[in-house]
Amino acid sequence: MNEPLSFARAVADFRDGTRTPRAFVEQCLKTIAARDRTIKAFVTLNAAAARKAADASTRRYKAGRPLSPIDGCPVAVKDIIATADMPTQMNSPIYKGWRPKADAACVAALRQAGAVIVGKTVTTEFAIGRSGPTRNPFDTTRTPGGSSSGSAAAVACGMVPVALGTQTQGSVLRPAAYCGVVGFKPTYGALHTGGIHLLSTTSDHLGVIAASVEDAWRGAAQISLGAPSPGVGFLSGAGDAPPASHQPRKLIRLFTRGWTETDSETRVSFDAFVDRVKARGIDVTSRDDDHEVAELEHQFENELDGHVDLIAYEMRWPFEDYLARYGARMVGARIRELLDRAGGVTPSDYEALLATRHRLQRAAAAVLARCDGFITLACSGPAPRGLAQTGSRTFPSYASWLGLPAFSLPLLAIHGLPVGVQLIGRTGADSTLCAIAQWMMTTAHVADA
């Protein structure tokens, strides 16, 4: 299969004139034409607009005036994110052919930075319901993960170097982990979500899936700089350059319930990875060595299921209205299940769920203050077979629930199938986490079990 295509490595060629953004986009479009009939990552492609934007970028580079570090970067957009020039259809029959009147804030920011919007990628229904047709590039009988299915598969195939995704529980990190690419979910609220069809206002994150940590960071940074998040401001450390690679001093390994879902080969592979990290002089501890970590994990396990209740309650609008208006056409059983679940959540229950999250955020902050981050898996093993289910979301759900920044890094492989390693950082410390992620990618090489 095609290797992921890094934009960061191409920019020097644009600047010295040995290559152009138009040629780079043509390479992407050629790969899409060759692979997407099988992979089915895209639901809409706008090649004419992409070529026009790439030509404008080429002229800017020739004049020595690129707009930003991502000027000319081809980007794919998950199809729950509004684009004024293409339909936004949510993988739902009730939105078939729907055209927004304006771009989402993130898309507008990317265009202002000179990025080239190539097309819209497949999502599960409203990012939580029935799966789309996208296949895993490493094995087309397996899921690419969800709900940012098409975005992860498109990057993995080299169709684009960067794609936008969203995450309520695991929908950026898990597909990135299954498809062997980088997933970045910033601190909750760090990236503007205006123009995105949200599920859970207090849980949903905009994220970036990319060929490299640098590409993911540059994309997120330019979104933040171009569209500051209301009431939050900017992604910490956002600027033209990514943070320099930095070796951590101490990491805490999490043993959460996701480990009950993993197979023995994945566990052995991750253990060997941790041993490689320790061999570099890094202190890696766990609940077995630290009472406060053990207590935090105990609280996680007691309360995690409440996050689903919180999501279900916050989904009531607009999904109850959708169900009332279009019942027979709302085919996703998962959406109906969550609305049924929401019916059992009272206003006082909801207030208690919010209070629980705040308490756990404080507890996690106290532990994270003593280390450089948490380390664990981003998925429970290689992507499972079949397309109907998108795999377990348990491993990435903790960071989503608490709004913590997280990366999925393609650092493990089981019989040729990728498995992501997850780094989780302190609230607002996204640039610090990015520096550690860069170090991990250059130092702790992929090992295949």
Protein backbone atom coordinates (compact mmCIF):
# COMPACT_ATOMS: atom_id res chain seq x y z
CA MET A 1 0.00 0.00 0.00
CA ASN A 2 1.03 3.66 -0.38
CA GLU A 3 2.96 5.11 2.54
CA PRO A 4 1.48 8.07 4.46
CA LEU A 5 2.48 11.30 2.72
CA SER A 6 4.07 13.97 4.93
CA PHE A 7 3.50 17.57 3.91
CA ALA A 8 6.15 18.89 6.29
CA ARG A 9 8.85 17.14 4.27
CA ALA A 10 7.62 18.68 1.01
CA VAL A 11 7.62 22.35 2.04
CA ALA A 12 11.37 22.83 1.53
CA ASP A 13 10.91 21.73 -2.09
CA PHE A 14 8.12 24.29 -2.54
CA ARG A 15 10.35 27.03 -1.19
CA ASP A 16 13.32 26.24 -3.44
CA GLY A 17 11.12 25.60 -6.46
CA THR A 18 12.02 21.96 -7.06
CA ARG A 19 8.39 21.00 -6.55
CA THR A 20 5.05 22.82 -6.47
CA PRO A 21 1.86 22.56 -4.43
CA ARG A 22 0.03 21.75 -7.67
CA ALA A 23 2.31 18.76 -8.29
CA PHE A 24 1.80 17.64 -4.70
CA VAL A 25 -1.99 17.83 -5.03
CA GLU A 26 -1.84 15.93 -8.30
CA GLN A 27 0.04 13.16 -6.50
CA CYS A 28 -2.77 13.04 -3.92
CA LEU A 29 -5.48 12.98 -6.58
CA LYS A 30 -3.66 10.23 -8.47
CA THR A 31 -3.53 8.11 -5.31
CA ILE A 32 -7.21 8.76 -4.62
CA ALA A 33 -8.07 7.65 -8.17
CA ALA A 34 -6.01 4.48 -7.75
CA ARG A 35 -7.06 3.47 -4.23
CA ASP A 36 -10.40 4.94 -3.27
CA ARG A 37 -12.54 2.61 -5.33
CA THR A 38 -11.41 -0.09 -2.89
CA ILE A 39 -10.85 1.89 0.32
CA LYS A 40 -13.90 4.20 -0.01
CA ALA A 41 -12.48 6.95 2.19
CA PHE A 42 -14.16 9.85 0.39
CA VAL A 43 -17.84 10.61 0.07
CA THR A 44 -17.25 13.81 -1.96
CA LEU A 45 -14.22 14.95 -3.95
CA ASN A 46 -13.70 18.48 -5.30
CA ALA A 47 -10.70 18.08 -7.56
CA ALA A 48 -11.35 21.26 -9.57
CA ALA A 49 -11.38 23.45 -6.47
CA ALA A 50 -8.33 21.65 -5.09
CA ARG A 51 -6.36 22.31 -8.27
CA LYS A 52 -7.40 25.95 -8.28
CA ALA A 53 -6.31 26.41 -4.66
CA ALA A 54 -3.04 24.56 -5.33
CA ASP A 55 -2.31 26.81 -8.29
CA ALA A 56 -2.83 29.89 -6.10
CA SER A 57 -0.48 28.39 -3.52
CA THR A 58 2.12 27.67 -6.21
CA ARG A 59 2.07 31.34 -7.23
CA ARG A 60 2.58 32.42 -3.62
CA TYR A 61 5.60 30.16 -3.17
CA LYS A 62 7.12 31.41 -6.43
CA ALA A 63 6.70 34.96 -5.13
CA GLY A 64 8.26 33.96 -1.80
CA ARG A 65 5.08 34.79 0.10
CA PRO A 66 3.39 31.61 1.41
CA LEU A 67 0.54 32.36 3.79
CA SER A 68 1.55 29.88 6.50
CA PRO A 69 3.50 26.65 7.13
CA ILE A 70 0.53 24.71 5.70
CA ASP A 71 0.09 26.79 2.54
CA GLY A 72 -0.56 24.23 -0.20
CA CYS A 73 -1.27 21.35 2.19
CA PRO A 74 -4.01 19.01 0.92
CA VAL A 75 -6.59 18.39 3.66
CA ALA A 76 -9.61 16.09 3.82
CA VAL A 77 -12.58 17.02 6.00
CA LYS A 78 -14.81 14.63 7.94
CA ASP A 79 -18.35 14.83 6.61
CA ILE A 80 -19.94 16.21 9.78
CA ILE A 81 -17.89 19.41 9.36
CA ALA A 82 -19.50 22.12 7.24
CA THR A 83 -18.04 23.09 3.88
CA ALA A 84 -19.70 25.79 1.80
CA ASP A 85 -18.53 24.34 -1.53
CA MET A 86 -19.45 20.70 -0.89
CA PRO A 87 -22.38 18.85 0.71
CA THR A 88 -22.19 17.92 4.40
CA GLN A 89 -24.26 14.77 4.73
CA MET A 90 -23.37 13.14 8.09
CA ASN A 91 -23.81 9.66 6.55
CA SER A 92 -27.52 10.22 7.15
CA PRO A 93 -30.38 10.04 4.64
CA ILE A 94 -32.02 13.08 6.21
CA TYR A 95 -28.99 15.22 5.25
CA LYS A 96 -28.44 13.75 1.79
CA GLY A 97 -27.31 16.54 -0.53
CA TRP A 98 -27.45 19.21 2.21
CA ARG A 99 -25.23 22.23 1.50
CA PRO A 100 -24.25 24.57 4.32
CA LYS A 101 -24.15 28.31 3.65
CA ALA A 102 -20.71 28.73 5.25
CA ASP A 103 -17.58 26.82 6.14
CA ALA A 104 -17.05 25.52 9.66
CA ALA A 105 -14.62 27.69 11.64
CA CYS A 106 -11.83 25.12 11.25
CA VAL A 107 -12.29 24.88 7.47
CA ALA A 108 -12.34 28.67 7.11
CA ALA A 109 -9.13 28.91 9.14
CA LEU A 110 -7.43 26.29 6.99
CA ARG A 111 -8.41 28.03 3.78
CA GLN A 112 -7.12 31.35 5.17
CA ALA A 113 -3.80 29.63 5.86
CA GLY A 114 -3.61 28.44 2.24
CA ALA A 115 -4.53 24.80 2.81
CA VAL A 116 -6.14 22.93 -0.08
CA ILE A 117 -9.47 21.30 0.81
CA VAL A 118 -9.62 18.15 -1.32
CA GLY A 119 -12.89 16.57 -0.27
CA LYS A 120 -15.15 15.14 2.43
CA THR A 121 -14.42 11.84 4.14
CA VAL A 122 -16.76 9.10 5.27
CA THR A 123 -18.08 9.17 8.84
CA THR A 124 -20.35 6.87 10.75
CA GLU A 125 -23.92 8.17 10.94
CA PHE A 126 -23.71 11.49 12.83
CA ALA A 127 -20.33 10.26 14.11
CA ILE A 128 -21.97 7.67 16.35
CA GLY A 129 -24.44 5.55 14.39
CA ARG A 130 -24.18 3.02 11.59
CA SER A 131 -20.85 2.56 9.87
CA GLY A 132 -19.94 3.74 6.40
CA PRO A 133 -18.25 1.72 3.64
CA THR A 134 -14.63 2.67 4.40
CA ARG A 135 -12.14 -0.20 4.67
CA ASN A 136 -8.86 -0.54 6.53
CA PRO A 137 -5.94 -0.02 4.10
CA PHE A 138 -3.87 -2.72 5.83
CA ASP A 139 -6.59 -5.37 5.45
CA THR A 140 -9.79 -4.48 3.65
CA THR A 141 -11.74 -7.11 5.59
CA ARG A 142 -11.16 -5.06 8.77
CA THR A 143 -12.66 -1.84 10.11
CA PRO A 144 -10.67 1.38 9.80
CA GLY A 145 -12.21 2.44 13.11
CA GLY A 146 -14.74 5.17 13.61
CA SER A 147 -16.17 7.60 13.50
CA SER A 148 -13.42 9.43 11.58
CA SER A 149 -13.14 6.37 9.33
CA GLY A 150 -12.46 8.00 5.99
CA SER A 151 -10.07 10.57 7.42
CA ALA A 152 -7.77 7.93 8.93
CA ALA A 153 -7.89 5.66 5.87
CA ALA A 154 -7.20 8.56 3.50
CA VAL A 155 -4.08 9.58 5.40
CA ALA A 156 -2.88 5.98 5.76
CA CYS A 157 -3.11 5.45 1.98
CA GLY A 158 -1.21 8.63 1.11
CA MET A 159 -4.34 10.22 -0.36
CA VAL A 160 -3.76 13.33 1.78
CA PRO A 161 -1.21 14.18 4.46
CA VAL A 162 -3.75 15.73 6.85
CA ALA A 163 -7.43 15.13 7.60
CA LEU A 164 -9.87 16.50 10.15
CA GLY A 165 -11.72 14.25 12.57
CA THR A 166 -13.85 14.62 15.66
CA GLN A 167 -13.87 12.67 18.91
CA THR A 168 -16.56 12.19 21.54
CA GLN A 169 -14.96 9.08 23.05
CA GLY A 170 -12.47 7.54 20.62
CA SER A 171 -13.19 8.76 17.12
CA VAL A 172 -9.83 10.38 16.28
CA LEU A 173 -7.40 8.23 18.23
CA ARG A 174 -8.93 4.82 17.52
CA PRO A 175 -9.06 5.07 13.68
CA ALA A 176 -5.58 6.59 13.67
CA ALA A 177 -4.39 3.64 15.78
CA TYR A 178 -6.02 1.06 13.49
CA CYS A 179 -4.71 2.71 10.32
CA GLY A 180 -1.13 3.30 11.43
CA VAL A 181 -1.09 7.10 11.40
CA VAL A 182 -0.88 9.91 13.95
CA GLY A 183 -4.02 11.07 15.74
CA PHE A 184 -4.05 14.28 17.81
CA LYS A 185 -6.96 15.20 20.09
CA PRO A 186 -6.14 18.55 21.72
CA THR A 187 -7.34 19.75 25.11
CA TYR A 188 -11.13 20.11 25.17
CA GLY A 189 -12.12 23.46 23.69
CA ALA A 190 -8.68 24.28 22.27
CA LEU A 191 -9.99 24.09 18.69
CA HIS A 192 -13.14 25.89 17.55
CA THR A 193 -16.05 23.51 16.90
CA GLY A 194 -18.36 26.03 15.21
CA GLY A 195 -19.96 24.50 12.12
CA ILE A 196 -19.53 20.90 13.31
CA HIS A 197 -22.57 18.72 13.97
CA LEU A 198 -21.84 17.92 17.61
CA LEU A 199 -23.07 15.00 19.71
CA SER A 200 -22.08 16.06 23.21
CA THR A 201 -21.25 19.72 23.73
CA THR A 202 -19.07 19.03 26.77
CA SER A 203 -17.29 16.00 25.30
CA ASP A 204 -16.77 16.64 21.60
CA HIS A 205 -13.30 17.58 20.37
CA LEU A 206 -12.06 18.61 16.95
CA GLY A 207 -8.87 16.68 16.14
CA VAL A 208 -6.33 16.10 13.41
CA ILE A 209 -5.20 12.85 11.77
CA ALA A 210 -1.92 13.11 9.89
CA ALA A 211 1.10 11.36 8.44
CA SER A 212 3.41 12.77 11.11
CA VAL A 213 3.31 14.50 14.48
CA GLU A 214 4.62 17.66 12.82
CA ASP A 215 1.84 17.65 10.21
CA ALA A 216 -0.81 17.08 12.90
CA TRP A 217 0.56 19.90 15.06
CA ARG A 218 0.89 22.40 12.20
CA GLY A 219 -2.68 21.72 11.09
CA ALA A 220 -4.09 22.14 14.59
CA ALA A 221 -1.99 25.24 15.23
CA GLN A 222 -3.16 27.00 12.09
CA ILE A 223 -6.80 26.20 12.88
CA SER A 224 -6.30 27.70 16.33
CA LEU A 225 -4.50 30.82 15.10
CA GLY A 226 -7.09 31.42 12.39
CA ALA A 227 -10.17 30.71 14.52
CA PRO A 228 -9.55 31.20 18.26
CA SER A 229 -11.87 29.09 20.37
CA PRO A 230 -14.55 31.16 22.13
CA GLY A 231 -13.88 31.47 25.84
CA VAL A 232 -10.69 29.40 25.57
CA GLY A 233 -8.38 31.24 23.20
CA PHE A 234 -5.55 29.43 21.46
CA LEU A 235 -3.97 26.01 21.42
CA SER A 236 -1.06 26.20 23.83
CA GLY A 237 2.18 26.72 21.94
CA ALA A 238 0.43 27.35 18.62
CA GLY A 239 2.78 29.00 16.15
CA ASP A 240 4.51 28.53 12.84
CA ALA A 241 6.92 25.89 14.19
CA PRO A 242 6.08 22.76 16.20
CA PRO A 243 7.68 22.33 19.62
CA ALA A 244 11.13 20.76 19.61
CA SER A 245 11.40 17.06 20.39
CA HIS A 246 11.80 16.50 24.13
CA GLN A 247 12.58 13.35 26.08
CA PRO A 248 10.26 12.87 29.08
CA ARG A 249 11.63 12.19 32.53
CA LYS A 250 8.67 10.28 33.98
CA LEU A 251 5.60 8.62 32.49
CA ILE A 252 2.78 6.80 34.27
CA ARG A 253 1.46 3.65 32.64
CA LEU A 254 -2.30 3.29 32.96
CA PHE A 255 -3.92 -0.10 33.57
CA THR A 256 -7.55 0.64 32.84
CA ARG A 257 -10.33 -1.76 31.86
CA GLY A 258 -9.18 -1.65 28.26
CA TRP A 259 -6.50 -4.13 29.23
CA THR A 260 -9.19 -6.76 29.79
CA GLU A 261 -9.98 -6.47 26.06
CA THR A 262 -6.46 -6.91 24.71
CA ASP A 263 -4.95 -10.09 23.30
CA SER A 264 -1.72 -11.55 24.63
CA GLU A 265 0.36 -10.51 21.60
CA THR A 266 -0.67 -6.88 21.99
CA ARG A 267 0.15 -6.96 25.70
CA VAL A 268 3.57 -8.48 25.05
CA SER A 269 4.28 -5.95 22.31
CA PHE A 270 3.36 -3.01 24.53
CA ASP A 271 5.40 -4.40 27.43
CA ALA A 272 8.42 -4.61 25.12
CA PHE A 273 7.79 -1.04 23.98
CA VAL A 274 7.72 0.17 27.59
CA ASP A 275 10.99 -1.67 28.21
CA ARG A 276 12.55 0.20 25.27
CA VAL A 277 11.36 3.49 26.75
CA LYS A 278 12.78 2.59 30.16
CA ALA A 279 16.08 1.68 28.52
CA ARG A 280 16.39 5.33 27.49
CA GLY A 281 16.49 6.31 31.15
CA ILE A 282 12.83 7.25 31.54
CA ASP A 283 11.02 6.42 34.76
CA VAL A 284 7.81 4.54 33.89
CA THR A 285 5.66 3.79 36.93
CA SER A 286 2.12 2.50 37.43
CA ARG A 287 -0.56 1.83 40.00
CA ASP A 288 1.61 -1.00 41.30
CA ASP A 289 4.19 1.57 42.45
CA ASP A 290 2.00 4.56 43.31
CA HIS A 291 -1.01 4.61 45.63
CA GLU A 292 -2.36 7.87 44.17
CA VAL A 293 -2.35 6.40 40.66
CA ALA A 294 -4.10 3.28 41.96
CA GLU A 295 -6.80 5.44 43.57
CA LEU A 296 -7.25 7.48 40.37
CA GLU A 297 -7.71 4.34 38.29
CA HIS A 298 -10.19 3.02 40.86
CA GLN A 299 -12.23 6.20 40.45
CA PHE A 300 -11.99 5.93 36.67
CA GLU A 301 -13.45 2.45 36.67
CA ASN A 302 -16.23 3.30 39.11
CA GLU A 303 -17.38 6.28 37.07
CA LEU A 304 -16.51 5.64 33.41
CA ASP A 305 -19.93 4.31 32.40
CA GLY A 306 -21.45 7.58 33.53
CA HIS A 307 -19.77 9.27 30.58
CA VAL A 308 -22.11 7.43 28.22
CA ASP A 309 -25.10 8.69 30.25
CA LEU A 310 -23.74 12.23 29.96
CA ILE A 311 -23.28 11.91 26.19
CA ALA A 312 -26.77 10.44 25.79
CA TYR A 313 -28.36 13.26 27.80
CA GLU A 314 -26.57 15.95 25.79
CA MET A 315 -27.59 14.27 22.51
CA ARG A 316 -31.28 14.76 23.20
CA TRP A 317 -31.20 17.90 21.07
CA PRO A 318 -31.31 17.65 18.10
CA PHE A 319 -31.66 13.85 17.92
CA GLU A 320 -35.03 13.57 19.65
CA ASP A 321 -36.34 16.09 17.14
CA TYR A 322 -34.78 14.13 14.26
CA LEU A 323 -36.43 10.98 15.54
CA ALA A 324 -39.81 12.68 15.86
CA ARG A 325 -39.63 14.13 12.36
CA TYR A 326 -37.91 11.35 10.43
CA GLY A 327 -38.30 8.25 12.59
CA ALA A 328 -38.32 5.57 9.92
CA ARG A 329 -35.33 7.13 8.18
CA MET A 330 -33.22 7.32 11.35
CA VAL A 331 -31.85 3.86 10.76
CA GLY A 332 -28.96 3.82 13.23
CA ALA A 333 -29.80 1.52 16.12
CA ARG A 334 -27.00 3.05 18.24
CA ILE A 335 -28.65 6.49 18.15
CA ARG A 336 -31.99 5.03 19.22
CA GLU A 337 -30.29 3.12 22.05
CA LEU A 338 -28.65 6.28 23.36
CA LEU A 339 -31.89 8.24 23.22
CA ASP A 340 -33.61 5.46 25.17
CA ARG A 341 -30.77 5.66 27.70
CA ALA A 342 -31.14 9.43 27.93
CA GLY A 343 -34.75 8.94 28.98
CA GLY A 344 -33.54 7.47 32.26
CA VAL A 345 -31.26 10.40 33.08
CA THR A 346 -32.85 13.14 35.18
CA PRO A 347 -31.65 16.77 35.40
CA SER A 348 -30.24 16.03 38.84
CA ASP A 349 -28.46 12.96 37.44
CA TYR A 350 -26.92 15.18 34.77
CA GLU A 351 -25.70 17.69 37.35
CA ALA A 352 -24.15 14.81 39.31
CA LEU A 353 -22.40 13.52 36.18
CA LEU A 354 -20.87 16.95 35.54
CA ALA A 355 -19.75 17.17 39.17
CA THR A 356 -18.15 13.73 38.93
CA ARG A 357 -16.21 14.74 35.86
CA HIS A 358 -14.96 17.91 37.57
CA ARG A 359 -13.83 15.87 40.57
CA LEU A 360 -11.97 13.39 38.38
CA GLN A 361 -10.39 16.18 36.36
CA ARG A 362 -8.94 17.58 39.58
CA ALA A 363 -7.72 14.13 40.65
CA ALA A 364 -6.10 13.50 37.26
CA ALA A 365 -4.46 16.94 37.33
CA ALA A 366 -2.88 16.17 40.71
CA VAL A 367 -1.31 12.96 39.35
CA LEU A 368 -0.25 14.51 36.04
CA ALA A 369 1.50 17.32 37.94
CA ARG A 370 4.05 14.71 39.08
CA CYS A 371 4.91 13.33 35.63
CA ASP A 372 5.20 14.19 31.95
CA GLY A 373 2.08 12.25 30.98
CA PHE A 374 0.18 8.99 30.96
CA ILE A 375 1.07 6.21 28.53
CA THR A 376 -1.16 3.34 27.44
CA LEU A 377 -2.63 1.82 24.29
CA ALA A 378 -4.83 3.81 21.93
CA CYS A 379 -6.80 0.71 20.92
CA SER A 380 -7.26 -2.79 22.30
CA GLY A 381 -5.27 -4.47 19.52
CA PRO A 382 -5.30 -4.71 15.71
CA ALA A 383 -8.49 -3.60 13.96
CA PRO A 384 -11.18 -6.29 14.24
CA ARG A 385 -12.60 -7.98 11.17
CA GLY A 386 -15.83 -6.72 9.69
CA LEU A 387 -17.16 -3.26 8.90
CA ALA A 388 -20.37 -3.14 10.92
CA GLN A 389 -18.57 -2.40 14.21
CA THR A 390 -15.72 0.07 14.53
CA GLY A 391 -13.97 -1.52 17.52
CA SER A 392 -13.72 -0.78 21.22
CA ARG A 393 -13.44 2.85 22.29
CA THR A 394 -12.41 2.05 25.88
CA PHE A 395 -8.73 3.04 25.75
CA PRO A 396 -9.20 6.54 24.29
CA SER A 397 -12.39 7.29 26.23
CA TYR A 398 -10.66 8.46 29.42
CA ALA A 399 -8.86 11.39 27.81
CA SER A 400 -12.07 12.41 26.01
CA TRP A 401 -14.15 12.20 29.14
CA LEU A 402 -11.75 14.45 31.06
CA GLY A 403 -10.87 16.73 28.13
CA LEU A 404 -7.15 15.93 28.28
CA PRO A 405 -4.87 16.26 25.24
CA ALA A 406 -3.84 12.96 23.68
CA PHE A 407 -1.87 11.51 20.78
CA SER A 408 -2.12 8.12 19.12
CA LEU A 409 1.26 7.15 17.70
CA PRO A 410 1.84 4.27 15.22
CA LEU A 411 4.55 2.57 17.25
CA LEU A 412 3.38 -1.07 17.44
CA ALA A 413 2.44 -3.70 14.89
CA ILE A 414 0.96 -7.16 15.32
CA HIS A 415 1.57 -9.41 12.28
CA GLY A 416 1.78 -6.35 10.06
CA LEU A 417 -1.34 -4.66 11.48
CA PRO A 418 -0.80 -1.34 13.28
CA VAL A 419 -1.62 -0.72 16.93
CA GLY A 420 -1.37 2.78 18.38
CA VAL A 421 0.39 3.89 21.55
CA GLN A 422 -1.47 6.64 23.41
CA LEU A 423 0.12 9.59 25.21
CA ILE A 424 -2.10 11.69 27.48
CA GLY A 425 -1.04 15.04 28.92
CA ARG A 426 -2.07 17.78 31.30
CA THR A 427 -4.95 20.10 30.42
CA GLY A 428 -3.57 22.92 28.30
CA ALA A 429 -0.12 21.34 27.99
CA ASP A 430 -0.61 20.34 24.36
CA SER A 431 2.76 21.64 23.16
CA THR A 432 4.59 19.73 25.89
CA LEU A 433 2.79 16.55 24.89
CA CYS A 434 3.60 17.19 21.22
CA ALA A 435 7.30 17.51 22.06
CA ILE A 436 7.20 14.12 23.82
CA ALA A 437 5.25 12.59 20.92
CA GLN A 438 7.93 13.79 18.50
CA TRP A 439 10.61 12.20 20.67
CA MET A 440 8.66 8.94 20.80
CA MET A 441 8.33 8.80 17.02
CA THR A 442 12.03 9.35 16.42
CA THR A 443 13.32 7.15 19.24
CA ALA A 444 10.94 4.27 20.03
CA HIS A 445 10.70 2.56 16.66
CA VAL A 446 7.86 0.31 15.53
CA ALA A 447 8.23 -3.31 16.54
CA ASP A 448 6.18 -6.07 14.92
CA ALA A 449 5.13 -8.95 17.13
